[in-house]
Amino acid sequence: MTTDPITQFCAYLQRRNYSPHTIDNYGRDLRLFFALVDQEPCTVSGRDVTAFIEQQRASQRAATTINRRLNTLQHFFAYLATDRQTLGSNPVKPSHFLRRG
């Protein structure tokens, strides 16, 4: 029985002693992202991340909220690329993060 990558990532965070609050928020942000893009993690591209940012901006989310969600995505994809070795490269780039005024 295989579990989904988000559940595995949250278990990884728990093993790394992240706070329960952080783990819950990471899981929520990841489920939101993947519900919107409706793709498997290994098929997500930088364009999908950009589309997610635009959707968040259209929903009038604050830059800090969007950046927090991007940080979650970046951490998740880094986990897949380095620890799980199921991803070639991280689709979240530093240029995706919003500058705050």
Protein backbone atom coordinates (compact mmCIF):
# COMPACT_ATOMS: atom_id res chain seq x y z
CA MET A 1 0.00 0.00 0.00
CA THR A 2 1.57 3.29 -1.09
CA THR A 3 0.71 6.61 0.44
CA ASP A 4 0.58 9.84 -1.46
CA PRO A 5 3.69 12.05 -1.64
CA ILE A 6 2.11 14.76 0.52
CA THR A 7 1.48 12.31 3.36
CA GLN A 8 5.02 10.98 3.00
CA PHE A 9 6.40 14.52 3.07
CA CYS A 10 4.42 15.35 6.22
CA ALA A 11 5.76 12.17 7.86
CA TYR A 12 9.27 13.26 6.85
CA LEU A 13 8.68 16.66 8.49
CA GLN A 14 7.45 14.93 11.63
CA ARG A 15 10.61 12.79 11.74
CA ARG A 16 12.63 16.00 11.35
CA ASN A 17 10.81 17.37 14.42
CA TYR A 18 8.84 20.16 12.72
CA SER A 19 6.01 21.56 14.82
CA PRO A 20 2.55 20.01 14.33
CA HIS A 21 1.26 23.45 13.30
CA THR A 22 3.85 23.73 10.51
CA ILE A 23 3.16 20.20 9.30
CA ASP A 24 -0.60 20.91 9.14
CA ASN A 25 -0.02 24.15 7.23
CA TYR A 26 2.38 22.51 4.77
CA GLY A 27 -0.11 19.71 4.12
CA ARG A 28 -2.97 22.19 3.62
CA ASP A 29 -0.95 24.39 1.25
CA LEU A 30 0.21 21.39 -0.80
CA ARG A 31 -3.31 19.96 -1.09
CA LEU A 32 -4.57 23.38 -2.20
CA PHE A 33 -1.88 23.62 -4.89
CA PHE A 34 -2.43 20.12 -6.23
CA ALA A 35 -6.22 20.54 -6.21
CA LEU A 36 -5.77 23.59 -8.45
CA VAL A 37 -3.18 22.17 -10.86
CA ASP A 38 -4.67 18.63 -10.86
CA GLN A 39 -1.36 16.96 -11.81
CA GLU A 40 1.10 14.51 -10.37
CA PRO A 41 4.11 16.14 -8.65
CA CYS A 42 6.57 14.84 -11.25
CA THR A 43 4.69 16.65 -14.05
CA VAL A 44 4.49 20.10 -12.43
CA SER A 45 6.34 22.82 -14.32
CA GLY A 46 7.33 26.39 -13.62
CA ARG A 47 4.31 27.49 -15.66
CA ASP A 48 2.02 25.63 -13.27
CA VAL A 49 3.64 27.46 -10.36
CA THR A 50 3.16 30.79 -12.17
CA ALA A 51 -0.50 29.95 -12.83
CA PHE A 52 -0.93 29.13 -9.14
CA ILE A 53 0.57 32.50 -8.20
CA GLU A 54 -1.79 34.30 -10.57
CA GLN A 55 -4.77 32.41 -9.14
CA GLN A 56 -3.70 33.37 -5.62
CA ARG A 57 -3.31 37.01 -6.66
CA ALA A 58 -6.75 36.95 -8.30
CA SER A 59 -8.11 35.66 -4.97
CA GLN A 60 -6.48 38.74 -3.39
CA ARG A 61 -4.07 36.78 -1.20
CA ALA A 62 -1.35 38.83 0.44
CA ALA A 63 2.20 38.58 -0.87
CA THR A 64 3.28 37.07 2.45
CA THR A 65 0.67 34.30 2.11
CA ILE A 66 1.66 33.56 -1.48
CA ASN A 67 5.35 33.50 -0.56
CA ARG A 68 4.65 31.17 2.36
CA ARG A 69 2.84 28.80 0.00
CA LEU A 70 5.69 29.03 -2.50
CA ASN A 71 8.15 28.23 0.27
CA THR A 72 6.08 25.15 1.09
CA LEU A 73 6.10 24.09 -2.57
CA GLN A 74 9.83 24.71 -2.89
CA HIS A 75 10.54 22.63 0.22
CA PHE A 76 8.23 19.82 -1.01
CA PHE A 77 9.81 19.64 -4.47
CA ALA A 78 13.32 19.79 -2.96
CA TYR A 79 12.33 16.81 -0.80
CA LEU A 80 11.15 14.92 -3.89
CA ALA A 81 14.32 15.78 -5.83
CA THR A 82 16.90 15.07 -3.14
CA ASP A 83 15.45 12.70 -0.56
CA ARG A 84 13.07 10.66 -2.70
CA GLN A 85 14.94 11.15 -6.00
CA THR A 86 11.65 11.08 -7.92
CA LEU A 87 11.96 14.55 -9.42
CA GLY A 88 14.57 15.94 -11.79
CA SER A 89 14.50 19.58 -10.76
CA ASN A 90 12.53 21.91 -8.56
CA PRO A 91 9.89 23.84 -10.58
CA VAL A 92 9.77 26.63 -7.95
CA LYS A 93 12.43 29.20 -8.79
CA PRO A 94 13.55 32.22 -6.76
CA SER A 95 11.97 34.44 -9.42
CA HIS A 96 8.53 33.09 -8.49
CA PHE A 97 8.62 34.74 -5.07
CA LEU A 98 6.84 38.07 -4.85
CA ARG A 99 8.62 41.19 -3.77
CA ARG A 100 6.95 42.93 -0.89
CA GLY A 101 6.47 46.67 -0.98
